[in-house]
N, C-alpha and C. Protein backbone atom coordinates (compact mmCIF):
# COMPACT_ATOMS: atom_id res chain seq x y z
N MET A 1 -5.14 16.07 31.97
CA MET A 1 -5.25 15.07 32.99
C MET A 1 -6.70 15.03 33.46
N PHE A 2 -7.26 13.83 33.62
CA PHE A 2 -8.63 13.64 34.07
C PHE A 2 -8.64 13.21 35.53
N VAL A 3 -9.40 13.92 36.32
CA VAL A 3 -9.56 13.55 37.72
C VAL A 3 -11.04 13.23 37.93
N GLY A 4 -11.34 12.03 38.34
CA GLY A 4 -12.73 11.62 38.53
C GLY A 4 -12.99 11.20 39.96
N LEU A 5 -14.22 11.17 40.31
CA LEU A 5 -14.63 10.78 41.64
C LEU A 5 -15.35 9.45 41.55
N VAL A 6 -14.93 8.49 42.37
CA VAL A 6 -15.57 7.19 42.43
C VAL A 6 -16.35 7.12 43.74
N ASP A 7 -17.64 6.92 43.61
CA ASP A 7 -18.50 6.88 44.79
C ASP A 7 -18.43 5.48 45.39
N THR A 8 -17.85 5.37 46.59
CA THR A 8 -17.69 4.07 47.24
C THR A 8 -18.65 3.90 48.41
N ARG A 9 -19.56 4.86 48.59
CA ARG A 9 -20.52 4.73 49.67
C ARG A 9 -21.51 3.62 49.36
N ASP A 10 -22.01 2.98 50.40
CA ASP A 10 -23.04 1.96 50.23
C ASP A 10 -24.35 2.64 49.84
N GLN A 11 -25.05 2.03 48.89
CA GLN A 11 -26.33 2.56 48.47
C GLN A 11 -27.37 2.22 49.53
N PRO A 12 -28.32 3.12 49.77
CA PRO A 12 -29.37 2.81 50.75
C PRO A 12 -30.22 1.64 50.24
N PRO A 13 -30.67 0.80 51.15
CA PRO A 13 -31.47 -0.35 50.69
C PRO A 13 -32.81 0.10 50.14
N ASP A 14 -33.30 -0.69 49.22
CA ASP A 14 -34.62 -0.40 48.66
C ASP A 14 -35.68 -0.65 49.72
N PRO A 15 -36.75 0.14 49.70
CA PRO A 15 -37.80 -0.08 50.70
C PRO A 15 -38.43 -1.45 50.51
N VAL A 16 -38.69 -2.12 51.62
CA VAL A 16 -39.26 -3.46 51.56
C VAL A 16 -40.74 -3.39 51.22
N GLU A 17 -41.44 -2.45 51.83
CA GLU A 17 -42.87 -2.33 51.59
C GLU A 17 -43.12 -1.38 50.43
N PRO A 18 -44.09 -1.67 49.59
CA PRO A 18 -44.42 -0.73 48.50
C PRO A 18 -45.06 0.53 49.07
N GLU A 19 -45.01 1.58 48.30
CA GLU A 19 -45.65 2.82 48.71
C GLU A 19 -47.16 2.64 48.73
N PRO A 20 -47.84 3.39 49.58
CA PRO A 20 -49.31 3.32 49.56
C PRO A 20 -49.84 3.78 48.20
N LEU A 21 -51.05 3.36 47.91
CA LEU A 21 -51.63 3.63 46.60
C LEU A 21 -51.72 5.13 46.31
N TRP A 22 -52.07 5.94 47.31
CA TRP A 22 -52.22 7.37 47.06
C TRP A 22 -50.89 8.07 46.83
N LEU A 23 -49.77 7.42 47.17
CA LEU A 23 -48.47 7.98 46.86
C LEU A 23 -47.88 7.36 45.60
N ASP A 24 -48.32 6.16 45.26
CA ASP A 24 -47.77 5.44 44.12
C ASP A 24 -48.33 5.98 42.80
N ILE A 25 -49.58 6.32 42.78
CA ILE A 25 -50.22 6.82 41.55
C ILE A 25 -50.20 8.35 41.60
N PRO A 26 -49.50 9.01 40.70
CA PRO A 26 -49.38 10.46 40.77
C PRO A 26 -50.71 11.20 40.69
N GLU A 27 -51.70 10.63 40.02
CA GLU A 27 -52.98 11.32 39.89
C GLU A 27 -53.74 11.37 41.21
N LEU A 28 -53.40 10.50 42.17
CA LEU A 28 -54.11 10.47 43.44
C LEU A 28 -53.43 11.33 44.50
N ARG A 29 -52.23 11.83 44.24
CA ARG A 29 -51.52 12.62 45.25
C ARG A 29 -52.25 13.88 45.68
N PRO A 30 -52.77 14.67 44.75
CA PRO A 30 -53.33 15.96 45.18
C PRO A 30 -54.71 15.88 45.81
N TRP A 31 -55.41 14.78 45.69
CA TRP A 31 -56.80 14.77 46.12
C TRP A 31 -56.95 14.94 47.61
N ARG A 32 -56.02 14.44 48.39
CA ARG A 32 -56.14 14.63 49.83
C ARG A 32 -55.98 16.11 50.18
N TRP A 33 -55.16 16.83 49.40
CA TRP A 33 -54.99 18.27 49.65
C TRP A 33 -56.20 19.05 49.19
N TYR A 34 -56.84 18.60 48.09
CA TYR A 34 -58.07 19.25 47.65
C TYR A 34 -59.18 19.06 48.68
N VAL A 35 -59.29 17.87 49.26
CA VAL A 35 -60.30 17.62 50.30
C VAL A 35 -60.03 18.50 51.51
N ALA A 36 -58.76 18.59 51.93
CA ALA A 36 -58.41 19.44 53.07
C ALA A 36 -58.73 20.90 52.76
N ALA A 37 -58.47 21.34 51.53
CA ALA A 37 -58.76 22.72 51.15
C ALA A 37 -60.26 23.00 51.20
N ILE A 38 -61.05 22.07 50.71
CA ILE A 38 -62.51 22.26 50.73
C ILE A 38 -63.02 22.33 52.16
N LEU A 39 -62.52 21.42 53.02
CA LEU A 39 -62.96 21.44 54.41
C LEU A 39 -62.56 22.74 55.10
N LEU A 40 -61.35 23.21 54.83
CA LEU A 40 -60.92 24.47 55.45
C LEU A 40 -61.68 25.67 54.90
N PHE A 41 -62.06 25.64 53.62
CA PHE A 41 -62.90 26.71 53.08
C PHE A 41 -64.27 26.73 53.77
N VAL A 42 -64.82 25.55 54.04
CA VAL A 42 -66.11 25.48 54.73
C VAL A 42 -65.98 26.01 56.15
N VAL A 43 -64.90 25.63 56.84
CA VAL A 43 -64.69 26.14 58.20
C VAL A 43 -64.51 27.66 58.17
N ALA A 44 -63.78 28.18 57.21
CA ALA A 44 -63.58 29.62 57.11
C ALA A 44 -64.90 30.34 56.83
N ASP A 45 -65.78 29.70 56.09
CA ASP A 45 -67.07 30.30 55.79
C ASP A 45 -67.96 30.33 57.03
N GLN A 46 -67.84 29.34 57.89
CA GLN A 46 -68.67 29.27 59.09
C GLN A 46 -68.23 30.27 60.16
N LEU A 47 -66.93 30.57 60.20
CA LEU A 47 -66.43 31.51 61.20
C LEU A 47 -66.71 32.95 60.76
N THR A 48 -66.72 33.84 61.73
CA THR A 48 -66.92 35.25 61.41
C THR A 48 -65.75 36.07 61.94
N GLY A 49 -65.46 37.13 61.26
CA GLY A 49 -64.41 38.04 61.70
C GLY A 49 -63.01 37.56 61.35
N TRP A 50 -62.05 38.08 62.13
CA TRP A 50 -60.64 37.79 61.87
C TRP A 50 -60.26 36.33 62.01
N PRO A 51 -60.86 35.55 62.92
CA PRO A 51 -60.46 34.14 63.02
C PRO A 51 -60.72 33.33 61.75
N SER A 52 -61.60 33.82 60.88
CA SER A 52 -61.87 33.08 59.65
C SER A 52 -60.70 33.15 58.67
N LEU A 53 -59.78 34.08 58.89
CA LEU A 53 -58.63 34.19 57.98
C LEU A 53 -57.65 33.04 58.15
N ILE A 54 -57.57 32.48 59.35
CA ILE A 54 -56.62 31.37 59.59
C ILE A 54 -56.96 30.16 58.72
N PRO A 55 -58.19 29.61 58.78
CA PRO A 55 -58.48 28.48 57.89
C PRO A 55 -58.54 28.89 56.41
N LEU A 56 -58.83 30.15 56.14
CA LEU A 56 -58.85 30.60 54.75
C LEU A 56 -57.46 30.52 54.14
N PHE A 57 -56.46 31.05 54.85
CA PHE A 57 -55.09 30.99 54.32
C PHE A 57 -54.55 29.56 54.32
N ALA A 58 -54.96 28.76 55.29
CA ALA A 58 -54.55 27.35 55.29
C ALA A 58 -55.15 26.61 54.09
N ALA A 59 -56.39 26.95 53.75
CA ALA A 59 -57.04 26.32 52.59
C ALA A 59 -56.35 26.73 51.30
N ILE A 60 -55.96 27.98 51.19
CA ILE A 60 -55.24 28.43 50.00
C ILE A 60 -53.90 27.71 49.90
N GLY A 61 -53.22 27.54 51.04
CA GLY A 61 -51.96 26.80 51.05
C GLY A 61 -52.14 25.35 50.64
N CYS A 62 -53.20 24.70 51.12
CA CYS A 62 -53.47 23.31 50.72
C CYS A 62 -53.76 23.21 49.23
N PHE A 63 -54.49 24.19 48.71
CA PHE A 63 -54.80 24.18 47.29
C PHE A 63 -53.54 24.29 46.44
N PHE A 64 -52.65 25.22 46.81
CA PHE A 64 -51.41 25.36 46.03
C PHE A 64 -50.48 24.16 46.22
N HIS A 65 -50.51 23.56 47.40
CA HIS A 65 -49.70 22.34 47.60
C HIS A 65 -50.22 21.21 46.71
N ALA A 66 -51.53 21.14 46.53
CA ALA A 66 -52.11 20.12 45.65
C ALA A 66 -51.68 20.35 44.20
N ILE A 67 -51.64 21.61 43.79
CA ILE A 67 -51.23 21.90 42.42
C ILE A 67 -49.76 21.52 42.21
N THR A 68 -48.91 21.86 43.18
CA THR A 68 -47.49 21.56 43.01
C THR A 68 -47.19 20.08 43.17
N SER A 69 -48.09 19.30 43.75
CA SER A 69 -47.81 17.86 43.88
C SER A 69 -47.88 17.14 42.55
N TYR A 70 -48.46 17.77 41.52
CA TYR A 70 -48.44 17.16 40.19
C TYR A 70 -47.02 17.10 39.64
N TYR A 71 -46.15 17.98 40.10
CA TYR A 71 -44.80 18.05 39.58
C TYR A 71 -43.80 17.26 40.41
N LYS A 72 -44.25 16.57 41.46
CA LYS A 72 -43.36 15.80 42.31
C LYS A 72 -42.80 14.63 41.51
N GLY A 73 -41.50 14.50 41.50
CA GLY A 73 -40.87 13.41 40.79
C GLY A 73 -40.54 13.71 39.35
N ASN A 74 -40.94 14.85 38.85
CA ASN A 74 -40.66 15.22 37.47
C ASN A 74 -39.56 16.27 37.39
N ASP A 75 -38.56 16.11 38.23
CA ASP A 75 -37.53 17.14 38.31
C ASP A 75 -36.21 16.72 37.68
N GLY A 76 -36.27 15.95 36.63
CA GLY A 76 -35.07 15.64 35.88
C GLY A 76 -34.18 14.60 36.53
N LEU A 77 -32.92 14.96 36.73
CA LEU A 77 -31.94 13.98 37.16
C LEU A 77 -31.69 13.99 38.67
N SER A 78 -32.61 14.53 39.47
CA SER A 78 -32.35 14.58 40.91
C SER A 78 -32.36 13.19 41.52
N GLN A 79 -33.01 12.22 40.90
CA GLN A 79 -33.05 10.87 41.41
C GLN A 79 -31.95 9.99 40.80
N PHE A 80 -31.16 10.57 39.91
CA PHE A 80 -30.13 9.80 39.21
C PHE A 80 -28.96 9.50 40.12
N ARG A 81 -28.55 8.26 40.16
CA ARG A 81 -27.36 7.85 40.92
C ARG A 81 -26.46 7.05 40.01
N GLN A 82 -25.17 7.22 40.19
CA GLN A 82 -24.24 6.46 39.37
C GLN A 82 -24.05 5.08 39.91
């Protein structure tokens, strides 16, 4: 015996406005994070002592977020709807 599920929920409407250019083109997604990382590295370099660790770790986080943004949207069937 086959038991199936029929999805009767209303689909969310498509967005009326297109995405901004920096979100629409995957190659442009990470650049804002790279710029933020560079600025935070400069701020960390200007500070002395323990307070310089805060922008340093924030810059490292921005850098890794930029790297992982290349993989956004390439996760297989997560966007698949029946």
